[in-house]
Structure formats: structure tokens, C-alpha cells
């Protein structure tokens, strides 16, 4: 792992004396996440969604094989959440970068995840695909995720087999 971590000396960072190759790579990464117009702003002056995209660009500078995204859409509105996950999905599909992402919104899991591991109280309660979650009945869904869990997008309905409805 230590061989994959980036290091920039304080003097290089303070004096903005980055090698041309690194500058070009940074501009390409910023362009890739749609922030070209924000290139010269400090990350602290950007919106939450823009800061998340800067985080993705920073990760790209390391030429990763894996990106671990810990709740990358927390505190973002739904449109920005889809934007951020769209960039991560694009990196996975176009660059072959594995993205491990922790999410609490099952509608986003169903839309973006190819493989899903569901945890509750530190225990694995589900292993499958987003498509498998979509196909679950409400009863199956609540058995796995708990009675308090709510679905954003409805799954198959359960049919009454006669008698009481």
C-alpha cells in the first residue's frame, strides 16, 4: 500500500512548482469530473458536490486500481448524488477501476451497484446484486433489511392466495 500512496514535498506544494507532467495530469482529471471552470479555486470554496468531484480527481492522480468511496453522496441532494455516482460508474466501466462504495440509500444501490453486500449490526445479511434487490417482495426485503426499512422503488407485490386480504 505504501508504494501506492502519493507524496508531495512541502516546498513543492507551497511554491506550486509541480512537474509539467503532473500539472497536465491534474488538468485532465479536473476536466474528467467536469470542473474545468473551477480549476484555480480552493476546494474549500467549492460546493459539497464539487468537493466530492475534486476528491475523485485527486484519486485519479494516483492512477488507482481501486477506489474506496465511503458514503460519497452523504449530505448531497439527489441530483448531485446521481452525478457523483455516475462519475464513479464511468471510472469503473471506462477505466476498469474497481469502486467499493458504502451507501445507505438502497435506490442508489439498486441503480449503480453490480454486486451488493448488505450489513446490519456488523453482520452480512445480504449478498447479491442490485437486480436481486429489485426483484424481492416487500416481505423478503424487510426480512433482510429490517421492518423499519422502506423501499423507494417498489418491488414485486405479494399476491393473496385467498381468504383474508
N, C-alpha and C. Protein backbone atom coordinates (compact mmCIF):
# COMPACT_ATOMS: atom_id res chain seq x y z
N UNK A 1 0.82 -1.19 0.00
CA UNK A 1 0.00 0.00 0.00
C UNK A 1 0.86 1.26 0.00
N UNK A 2 1.96 1.26 0.76
CA UNK A 2 2.75 2.48 0.85
C UNK A 2 3.32 2.89 -0.50
N UNK A 3 3.57 1.95 -1.38
CA UNK A 3 4.07 2.28 -2.71
C UNK A 3 3.02 2.94 -3.59
N UNK A 4 1.74 2.85 -3.19
CA UNK A 4 0.66 3.43 -3.98
C UNK A 4 0.24 4.80 -3.44
N UNK A 5 0.76 5.21 -2.29
CA UNK A 5 0.39 6.49 -1.71
C UNK A 5 1.23 7.60 -2.31
N UNK A 6 0.59 8.71 -2.60
CA UNK A 6 1.30 9.84 -3.19
C UNK A 6 2.00 10.67 -2.13
N UNK A 7 3.06 11.33 -2.54
CA UNK A 7 3.77 12.23 -1.65
C UNK A 7 4.21 13.45 -2.44
N UNK A 8 3.98 14.61 -1.89
CA UNK A 8 4.46 15.86 -2.48
C UNK A 8 5.16 16.62 -1.37
N UNK A 9 6.40 17.03 -1.61
CA UNK A 9 7.13 17.75 -0.56
C UNK A 9 6.46 19.08 -0.26
N UNK A 10 6.65 19.57 0.95
CA UNK A 10 6.06 20.84 1.36
C UNK A 10 6.51 21.99 0.47
N UNK A 11 7.79 22.00 0.10
CA UNK A 11 8.29 23.11 -0.72
C UNK A 11 7.65 23.10 -2.11
N UNK A 12 7.48 21.93 -2.69
CA UNK A 12 6.83 21.83 -4.00
C UNK A 12 5.40 22.34 -3.92
N UNK A 13 4.69 21.91 -2.90
CA UNK A 13 3.30 22.31 -2.73
C UNK A 13 3.19 23.81 -2.43
N UNK A 14 4.01 24.30 -1.54
CA UNK A 14 3.95 25.71 -1.13
C UNK A 14 4.29 26.64 -2.29
N UNK A 15 5.27 26.27 -3.10
CA UNK A 15 5.72 27.14 -4.19
C UNK A 15 5.01 26.84 -5.52
N UNK A 16 4.10 25.88 -5.52
CA UNK A 16 3.38 25.48 -6.75
C UNK A 16 4.35 25.13 -7.88
N UNK A 17 5.41 24.42 -7.56
CA UNK A 17 6.42 24.02 -8.55
C UNK A 17 6.24 22.54 -8.91
N UNK A 18 5.07 22.22 -9.41
CA UNK A 18 4.78 20.84 -9.77
C UNK A 18 5.33 20.56 -11.16
N UNK A 19 5.81 19.33 -11.40
CA UNK A 19 6.29 18.97 -12.74
C UNK A 19 5.18 19.15 -13.77
N UNK A 20 5.56 19.54 -14.98
CA UNK A 20 4.59 19.77 -16.05
C UNK A 20 3.71 18.54 -16.27
N UNK A 21 4.31 17.37 -16.22
CA UNK A 21 3.56 16.13 -16.41
C UNK A 21 2.44 16.01 -15.37
N UNK A 22 2.74 16.34 -14.11
CA UNK A 22 1.73 16.27 -13.05
C UNK A 22 0.65 17.34 -13.25
N UNK A 23 1.05 18.52 -13.72
CA UNK A 23 0.08 19.58 -13.97
C UNK A 23 -0.90 19.16 -15.08
N UNK A 24 -0.37 18.58 -16.13
CA UNK A 24 -1.23 18.12 -17.24
C UNK A 24 -2.17 17.01 -16.78
N UNK A 25 -1.64 16.11 -15.97
CA UNK A 25 -2.45 15.02 -15.44
C UNK A 25 -3.58 15.57 -14.55
N UNK A 26 -3.26 16.57 -13.74
CA UNK A 26 -4.26 17.19 -12.85
C UNK A 26 -5.34 17.88 -13.66
N UNK A 27 -4.95 18.61 -14.70
CA UNK A 27 -5.94 19.30 -15.55
C UNK A 27 -6.85 18.29 -16.25
N UNK A 28 -6.28 17.18 -16.67
CA UNK A 28 -7.07 16.13 -17.31
C UNK A 28 -8.08 15.54 -16.32
N UNK A 29 -7.63 15.30 -15.09
CA UNK A 29 -8.52 14.73 -14.06
C UNK A 29 -9.65 15.70 -13.72
N UNK A 30 -9.32 16.98 -13.59
CA UNK A 30 -10.34 18.01 -13.28
C UNK A 30 -11.34 18.11 -14.43
N UNK A 31 -10.84 18.05 -15.66
CA UNK A 31 -11.74 18.10 -16.82
C UNK A 31 -12.65 16.88 -16.83
N UNK A 32 -12.10 15.74 -16.47
CA UNK A 32 -12.86 14.49 -16.48
C UNK A 32 -14.07 14.53 -15.55
N UNK A 33 -13.95 15.27 -14.44
CA UNK A 33 -15.07 15.36 -13.50
C UNK A 33 -15.86 16.65 -13.68
N UNK A 34 -15.64 17.33 -14.80
CA UNK A 34 -16.46 18.48 -15.16
C UNK A 34 -16.23 19.73 -14.35
N UNK A 35 -15.00 19.96 -13.90
CA UNK A 35 -14.72 21.14 -13.08
C UNK A 35 -13.67 22.08 -13.69
N UNK A 36 -13.53 22.05 -14.98
CA UNK A 36 -12.51 22.89 -15.63
C UNK A 36 -12.65 24.35 -15.23
N UNK A 37 -13.89 24.84 -15.15
CA UNK A 37 -14.10 26.25 -14.81
C UNK A 37 -13.74 26.57 -13.36
N UNK A 38 -13.53 25.55 -12.54
CA UNK A 38 -13.20 25.76 -11.13
C UNK A 38 -11.72 25.46 -10.83
N UNK A 39 -10.92 25.27 -11.85
CA UNK A 39 -9.55 24.79 -11.69
C UNK A 39 -8.74 25.57 -10.66
N UNK A 40 -8.85 26.87 -10.64
CA UNK A 40 -7.97 27.67 -9.78
C UNK A 40 -8.59 28.04 -8.45
N UNK A 41 -9.74 27.49 -8.14
CA UNK A 41 -10.36 27.74 -6.83
C UNK A 41 -9.87 26.72 -5.82
N UNK A 42 -9.83 27.15 -4.57
CA UNK A 42 -9.51 26.22 -3.49
C UNK A 42 -10.71 25.30 -3.28
N UNK A 43 -10.44 24.06 -2.94
CA UNK A 43 -11.53 23.10 -2.72
C UNK A 43 -12.49 23.59 -1.64
N UNK A 44 -11.97 24.29 -0.64
CA UNK A 44 -12.83 24.78 0.45
C UNK A 44 -13.82 25.84 -0.02
N UNK A 45 -13.60 26.43 -1.20
CA UNK A 45 -14.51 27.43 -1.75
C UNK A 45 -15.57 26.82 -2.67
N UNK A 46 -15.55 25.51 -2.82
CA UNK A 46 -16.48 24.83 -3.73
C UNK A 46 -17.67 24.26 -2.96
N UNK A 47 -18.73 23.95 -3.69
CA UNK A 47 -19.91 23.32 -3.09
C UNK A 47 -19.57 21.88 -2.69
N UNK A 48 -20.47 21.26 -1.92
CA UNK A 48 -20.24 19.88 -1.49
C UNK A 48 -20.08 18.91 -2.64
N UNK A 49 -20.94 19.04 -3.66
CA UNK A 49 -20.83 18.16 -4.82
C UNK A 49 -19.55 18.39 -5.60
N UNK A 50 -19.14 19.66 -5.71
CA UNK A 50 -17.88 19.97 -6.40
C UNK A 50 -16.70 19.41 -5.60
N UNK A 51 -16.77 19.49 -4.27
CA UNK A 51 -15.69 18.94 -3.45
C UNK A 51 -15.59 17.43 -3.62
N UNK A 52 -16.72 16.76 -3.75
CA UNK A 52 -16.69 15.32 -3.98
C UNK A 52 -16.03 15.01 -5.32
N UNK A 53 -16.32 15.82 -6.33
CA UNK A 53 -15.70 15.61 -7.65
C UNK A 53 -14.20 15.89 -7.59
N UNK A 54 -13.78 16.89 -6.80
CA UNK A 54 -12.35 17.14 -6.61
C UNK A 54 -11.71 15.92 -5.95
N UNK A 55 -12.41 15.31 -5.00
CA UNK A 55 -11.89 14.09 -4.37
C UNK A 55 -11.67 12.98 -5.37
N UNK A 56 -12.59 12.84 -6.31
CA UNK A 56 -12.43 11.83 -7.36
C UNK A 56 -11.23 12.17 -8.24
N UNK A 57 -11.09 13.45 -8.60
CA UNK A 57 -9.94 13.87 -9.42
C UNK A 57 -8.63 13.62 -8.68
N UNK A 58 -8.61 13.90 -7.38
CA UNK A 58 -7.40 13.63 -6.58
C UNK A 58 -7.06 12.14 -6.60
N UNK A 59 -8.09 11.31 -6.48
CA UNK A 59 -7.85 9.87 -6.53
C UNK A 59 -7.28 9.46 -7.88
N UNK A 60 -7.78 10.07 -8.96
CA UNK A 60 -7.29 9.74 -10.30
C UNK A 60 -5.81 10.05 -10.47
N UNK A 61 -5.32 11.04 -9.75
CA UNK A 61 -3.90 11.40 -9.83
C UNK A 61 -3.00 10.23 -9.43
N UNK A 62 -3.51 9.33 -8.60
CA UNK A 62 -2.73 8.19 -8.13
C UNK A 62 -2.81 6.99 -9.08
N UNK A 63 -3.59 7.14 -10.16
CA UNK A 63 -3.80 6.04 -11.11
C UNK A 63 -4.21 4.77 -10.37
N UNK A 64 -5.32 4.84 -9.62
CA UNK A 64 -5.70 3.71 -8.76
C UNK A 64 -6.27 2.54 -9.54
N UNK A 65 -6.15 1.38 -8.95
CA UNK A 65 -6.86 0.20 -9.46
C UNK A 65 -8.17 0.03 -8.69
N UNK A 66 -8.19 0.59 -7.45
CA UNK A 66 -9.36 0.51 -6.59
C UNK A 66 -9.62 1.88 -5.98
N UNK A 67 -10.89 2.28 -5.94
CA UNK A 67 -11.29 3.48 -5.21
C UNK A 67 -12.26 3.05 -4.13
N UNK A 68 -11.96 3.43 -2.88
CA UNK A 68 -12.86 3.17 -1.77
C UNK A 68 -13.60 4.47 -1.49
N UNK A 69 -14.89 4.48 -1.75
CA UNK A 69 -15.71 5.69 -1.58
C UNK A 69 -16.64 5.48 -0.38
N UNK A 70 -16.30 6.10 0.73
CA UNK A 70 -17.08 5.95 1.96
C UNK A 70 -18.19 7.00 1.99
N UNK A 71 -19.39 6.57 1.73
CA UNK A 71 -20.57 7.44 1.68
C UNK A 71 -20.33 8.70 0.83
N UNK A 72 -20.01 8.52 -0.45
CA UNK A 72 -19.66 9.67 -1.29
C UNK A 72 -20.82 10.62 -1.57
N UNK A 73 -22.04 10.21 -1.25
CA UNK A 73 -23.19 11.08 -1.54
C UNK A 73 -23.88 11.57 -0.27
N UNK A 74 -23.27 11.34 0.88
CA UNK A 74 -23.86 11.83 2.13
C UNK A 74 -23.99 13.35 2.06
N UNK A 75 -25.11 13.86 2.47
CA UNK A 75 -25.39 15.30 2.53
C UNK A 75 -25.53 15.96 1.16
N UNK A 76 -25.66 15.18 0.10
CA UNK A 76 -25.86 15.75 -1.23
C UNK A 76 -27.31 15.58 -1.64
N UNK A 77 -27.80 16.52 -2.46
CA UNK A 77 -29.16 16.38 -2.96
C UNK A 77 -29.20 15.24 -3.99
N UNK A 78 -30.39 14.74 -4.32
CA UNK A 78 -30.49 13.59 -5.22
C UNK A 78 -29.82 13.78 -6.57
N UNK A 79 -29.91 14.97 -7.14
CA UNK A 79 -29.29 15.20 -8.46
C UNK A 79 -27.77 15.08 -8.35
N UNK A 80 -27.18 15.71 -7.33
CA UNK A 80 -25.73 15.62 -7.14
C UNK A 80 -25.31 14.19 -6.80
N UNK A 81 -26.13 13.48 -6.04
CA UNK A 81 -25.81 12.10 -5.70
C UNK A 81 -25.67 11.26 -6.97
N UNK A 82 -26.61 11.42 -7.89
CA UNK A 82 -26.53 10.68 -9.16
C UNK A 82 -25.33 11.13 -9.98
N UNK A 83 -25.00 12.41 -9.93
CA UNK A 83 -23.84 12.91 -10.67
C UNK A 83 -22.56 12.25 -10.16
N UNK A 84 -22.38 12.24 -8.84
CA UNK A 84 -21.17 11.66 -8.24
C UNK A 84 -21.08 10.17 -8.54
N UNK A 85 -22.18 9.46 -8.34
CA UNK A 85 -22.16 8.02 -8.61
C UNK A 85 -21.99 7.73 -10.09
N UNK A 86 -22.48 8.62 -10.93
CA UNK A 86 -22.27 8.49 -12.38
C UNK A 86 -20.79 8.57 -12.74
N UNK A 87 -20.07 9.51 -12.09
CA UNK A 87 -18.62 9.60 -12.35
C UNK A 87 -17.91 8.33 -11.89
N UNK A 88 -18.28 7.82 -10.72
CA UNK A 88 -17.65 6.59 -10.23
C UNK A 88 -17.97 5.41 -11.13
N UNK A 89 -19.22 5.36 -11.60
CA UNK A 89 -19.62 4.29 -12.53
C UNK A 89 -18.82 4.39 -13.84
N UNK A 90 -18.62 5.60 -14.31
CA UNK A 90 -17.86 5.83 -15.55
C UNK A 90 -16.41 5.35 -15.38
N UNK A 91 -15.80 5.66 -14.22
CA UNK A 91 -14.43 5.21 -13.98
C UNK A 91 -14.35 3.69 -13.97
N UNK A 92 -15.36 3.06 -13.42
CA UNK A 92 -15.39 1.60 -13.39
C UNK A 92 -15.50 1.03 -14.80
N UNK A 93 -16.43 1.55 -15.57
CA UNK A 93 -16.69 0.99 -16.90
C UNK A 93 -15.62 1.35 -17.92
N UNK A 94 -15.16 2.60 -17.91
CA UNK A 94 -14.21 3.04 -18.93
C UNK A 94 -12.76 2.73 -18.59
N UNK A 95 -12.41 2.78 -17.30
CA UNK A 95 -11.02 2.61 -16.90
C UNK A 95 -10.76 1.28 -16.21
N UNK A 96 -11.82 0.54 -15.92
CA UNK A 96 -11.64 -0.73 -15.22
C UNK A 96 -11.25 -0.58 -13.77
N UNK A 97 -11.51 0.59 -13.18
CA UNK A 97 -11.18 0.82 -11.78
C UNK A 97 -12.28 0.19 -10.92
N UNK A 98 -11.89 -0.65 -9.98
CA UNK A 98 -12.85 -1.22 -9.05
C UNK A 98 -13.27 -0.13 -8.07
N UNK A 99 -14.58 0.03 -7.88
CA UNK A 99 -15.09 1.02 -6.93
C UNK A 99 -15.84 0.28 -5.83
N UNK A 100 -15.35 0.43 -4.61
CA UNK A 100 -16.03 -0.12 -3.44
C UNK A 100 -16.68 1.07 -2.75
N UNK A 101 -17.98 1.00 -2.62
CA UNK A 101 -18.73 2.18 -2.20
C UNK A 101 -19.69 1.81 -1.07
N UNK A 102 -19.65 2.55 0.02
CA UNK A 102 -20.64 2.33 1.08
C UNK A 102 -21.78 3.32 0.87
N UNK A 103 -22.97 2.79 0.82
CA UNK A 103 -24.17 3.61 0.60
C UNK A 103 -25.27 3.16 1.55
N UNK A 104 -26.09 4.10 1.97
CA UNK A 104 -27.23 3.78 2.82
C UNK A 104 -28.55 3.92 2.07
N UNK A 105 -28.51 4.35 0.84
CA UNK A 105 -29.72 4.56 0.05
C UNK A 105 -29.87 3.41 -0.94
N UNK A 106 -30.82 2.52 -0.65
CA UNK A 106 -30.96 1.32 -1.47
C UNK A 106 -31.39 1.61 -2.89
N UNK A 107 -32.08 2.74 -3.12
CA UNK A 107 -32.42 3.07 -4.51
C UNK A 107 -31.16 3.33 -5.31
N UNK A 108 -30.15 3.96 -4.70
CA UNK A 108 -28.88 4.20 -5.39
C UNK A 108 -28.11 2.90 -5.56
N UNK A 109 -28.17 2.04 -4.55
CA UNK A 109 -27.52 0.73 -4.65
C UNK A 109 -28.10 -0.05 -5.83
N UNK A 110 -29.43 -0.05 -5.92
CA UNK A 110 -30.09 -0.79 -7.00
C UNK A 110 -29.72 -0.23 -8.37
N UNK A 111 -29.53 1.05 -8.46
CA UNK A 111 -29.22 1.70 -9.74
C UNK A 111 -27.76 1.51 -10.15
N UNK A 112 -26.82 1.62 -9.21
CA UNK A 112 -25.41 1.70 -9.58
C UNK A 112 -24.58 0.46 -9.27
N UNK A 113 -24.97 -0.35 -8.31
CA UNK A 113 -24.12 -1.46 -7.87
C UNK A 113 -24.27 -2.69 -8.77
N UNK A 114 -23.15 -3.31 -9.06
CA UNK A 114 -23.19 -4.58 -9.77
C UNK A 114 -23.18 -5.74 -8.78
N UNK A 115 -22.54 -5.55 -7.64
CA UNK A 115 -22.55 -6.53 -6.56
C UNK A 115 -22.84 -5.80 -5.25
N UNK A 116 -23.60 -6.45 -4.39
CA UNK A 116 -24.04 -5.81 -3.15
C UNK A 116 -23.77 -6.73 -1.97
N UNK A 117 -23.24 -6.15 -0.91
CA UNK A 117 -23.14 -6.83 0.38
C UNK A 117 -23.88 -5.94 1.37
N UNK A 118 -24.92 -6.47 1.97
CA UNK A 118 -25.70 -5.72 2.95
C UNK A 118 -25.27 -6.09 4.36
N UNK A 119 -25.04 -5.08 5.19
CA UNK A 119 -24.62 -5.30 6.57
C UNK A 119 -25.66 -4.74 7.53
N UNK A 120 -25.85 -5.43 8.64
CA UNK A 120 -26.67 -4.91 9.73
C UNK A 120 -26.00 -5.32 11.03
N UNK A 121 -25.71 -4.35 11.86
CA UNK A 121 -25.04 -4.60 13.14
C UNK A 121 -23.74 -5.38 12.94
N UNK A 122 -23.01 -5.05 11.88
CA UNK A 122 -21.72 -5.68 11.62
C UNK A 122 -21.78 -7.07 11.02
N UNK A 123 -22.96 -7.56 10.73
CA UNK A 123 -23.12 -8.89 10.16
C UNK A 123 -23.60 -8.80 8.72
N UNK A 124 -23.11 -9.70 7.87
CA UNK A 124 -23.57 -9.76 6.49
C UNK A 124 -24.98 -10.34 6.50
N UNK A 125 -25.94 -9.57 5.97
CA UNK A 125 -27.34 -10.02 5.91
C UNK A 125 -27.79 -10.24 4.47
N UNK A 126 -26.98 -9.80 3.53
CA UNK A 126 -27.35 -9.94 2.13
C UNK A 126 -26.10 -9.95 1.27
N UNK A 127 -26.11 -10.81 0.28
CA UNK A 127 -25.04 -10.84 -0.72
C UNK A 127 -25.71 -11.16 -2.05
N UNK A 128 -25.59 -10.26 -3.01
CA UNK A 128 -26.24 -10.48 -4.29
C UNK A 128 -26.02 -9.30 -5.21
N UNK A 129 -27.03 -8.99 -6.00
CA UNK A 129 -26.94 -7.89 -6.96
C UNK A 129 -28.04 -6.88 -6.70
N UNK A 130 -27.88 -5.70 -7.27
CA UNK A 130 -28.93 -4.70 -7.20
C UNK A 130 -30.21 -5.20 -7.85
N UNK A 131 -30.07 -5.94 -8.93
CA UNK A 131 -31.23 -6.51 -9.62
C UNK A 131 -31.97 -7.49 -8.71
N UNK A 132 -31.23 -8.28 -7.93
CA UNK A 132 -31.87 -9.20 -6.98
C UNK A 132 -32.71 -8.43 -5.96
N UNK A 133 -32.20 -7.28 -5.51
CA UNK A 133 -32.94 -6.46 -4.55
C UNK A 133 -34.23 -5.96 -5.19
N UNK A 134 -34.14 -5.52 -6.44
CA UNK A 134 -35.33 -5.02 -7.14
C UNK A 134 -36.42 -6.09 -7.25
N UNK A 135 -36.00 -7.34 -7.42
CA UNK A 135 -36.96 -8.43 -7.61
C UNK A 135 -37.56 -8.96 -6.30
N UNK A 136 -37.02 -8.55 -5.17
CA UNK A 136 -37.53 -9.03 -3.88
C UNK A 136 -38.95 -8.55 -3.63
N UNK A 137 -39.71 -9.40 -2.97
CA UNK A 137 -41.01 -8.94 -2.49
C UNK A 137 -40.77 -8.04 -1.28
N UNK A 138 -41.76 -7.26 -0.91
CA UNK A 138 -41.61 -6.40 0.27
C UNK A 138 -41.31 -7.22 1.52
N UNK A 139 -41.92 -8.39 1.63
CA UNK A 139 -41.70 -9.25 2.79
C UNK A 139 -40.23 -9.70 2.85
N UNK A 140 -39.69 -10.16 1.72
CA UNK A 140 -38.28 -10.58 1.67
C UNK A 140 -37.36 -9.41 2.00
N UNK A 141 -37.69 -8.26 1.46
CA UNK A 141 -36.90 -7.06 1.68
C UNK A 141 -36.82 -6.73 3.18
N UNK A 142 -37.95 -6.74 3.85
CA UNK A 142 -37.99 -6.41 5.28
C UNK A 142 -37.34 -7.49 6.14
N UNK A 143 -37.38 -8.74 5.71
CA UNK A 143 -36.70 -9.81 6.45
C UNK A 143 -35.20 -9.56 6.47
N UNK A 144 -34.67 -9.06 5.39
CA UNK A 144 -33.24 -8.81 5.30
C UNK A 144 -32.85 -7.49 5.94
N UNK A 145 -33.56 -6.43 5.59
CA UNK A 145 -33.15 -5.09 5.99
C UNK A 145 -33.86 -4.57 7.23
N UNK A 146 -34.80 -5.35 7.78
CA UNK A 146 -35.49 -4.94 8.99
C UNK A 146 -36.85 -4.34 8.69
N UNK A 147 -37.73 -4.45 9.65
CA UNK A 147 -39.11 -3.96 9.49
C UNK A 147 -39.17 -2.46 9.23
N UNK A 148 -38.20 -1.71 9.77
CA UNK A 148 -38.23 -0.26 9.61
C UNK A 148 -37.74 0.19 8.23
N UNK A 149 -37.16 -0.72 7.47
CA UNK A 149 -36.63 -0.37 6.14
C UNK A 149 -37.78 -0.06 5.19
N UNK A 150 -37.57 0.99 4.41
CA UNK A 150 -38.58 1.36 3.41
C UNK A 150 -37.95 1.33 2.04
N UNK A 151 -38.74 0.93 1.07
CA UNK A 151 -38.28 0.91 -0.31
C UNK A 151 -38.64 2.22 -0.97
N UNK A 152 -37.72 2.72 -1.75
CA UNK A 152 -38.01 3.91 -2.54
C UNK A 152 -38.71 3.50 -3.81
N UNK A 153 -38.20 2.47 -4.45
CA UNK A 153 -38.85 1.95 -5.65
C UNK A 153 -39.47 0.61 -5.30
N UNK A 154 -40.70 0.45 -5.67
CA UNK A 154 -41.44 -0.75 -5.27
C UNK A 154 -40.91 -1.99 -5.96
N UNK A 155 -40.92 -3.08 -5.21
CA UNK A 155 -40.57 -4.37 -5.76
C UNK A 155 -41.84 -5.10 -6.14
N UNK A 156 -41.74 -6.38 -6.43
CA UNK A 156 -42.93 -7.14 -6.79
C UNK A 156 -43.92 -7.15 -5.63
N UNK A 157 -45.18 -7.10 -5.94
CA UNK A 157 -46.19 -7.16 -4.89
C UNK A 157 -46.47 -8.61 -4.56
N UNK A 158 -46.95 -8.84 -3.35
CA UNK A 158 -47.30 -10.19 -2.95
C UNK A 158 -48.78 -10.39 -3.20
N UNK A 159 -49.11 -11.53 -3.76
CA UNK A 159 -50.50 -11.83 -4.08
C UNK A 159 -51.12 -12.62 -2.95
N UNK A 160 -52.33 -12.27 -2.62
CA UNK A 160 -53.08 -13.02 -1.62
C UNK A 160 -53.53 -14.33 -2.25
N UNK A 161 -53.46 -15.40 -1.47
CA UNK A 161 -53.86 -16.71 -2.00
C UNK A 161 -55.27 -17.07 -1.57
N UNK A 162 -56.07 -16.08 -1.36
CA UNK A 162 -57.46 -16.33 -0.98
C UNK A 162 -57.66 -16.09 0.49
N UNK A 163 -58.90 -16.14 0.91
CA UNK A 163 -59.20 -15.90 2.31
C UNK A 163 -59.11 -14.43 2.62
N UNK A 164 -58.40 -14.09 3.67
CA UNK A 164 -58.31 -12.69 4.11
C UNK A 164 -57.36 -11.91 3.22
N UNK A 165 -57.72 -10.67 2.99
CA UNK A 165 -56.87 -9.82 2.17
C UNK A 165 -56.02 -8.95 3.04
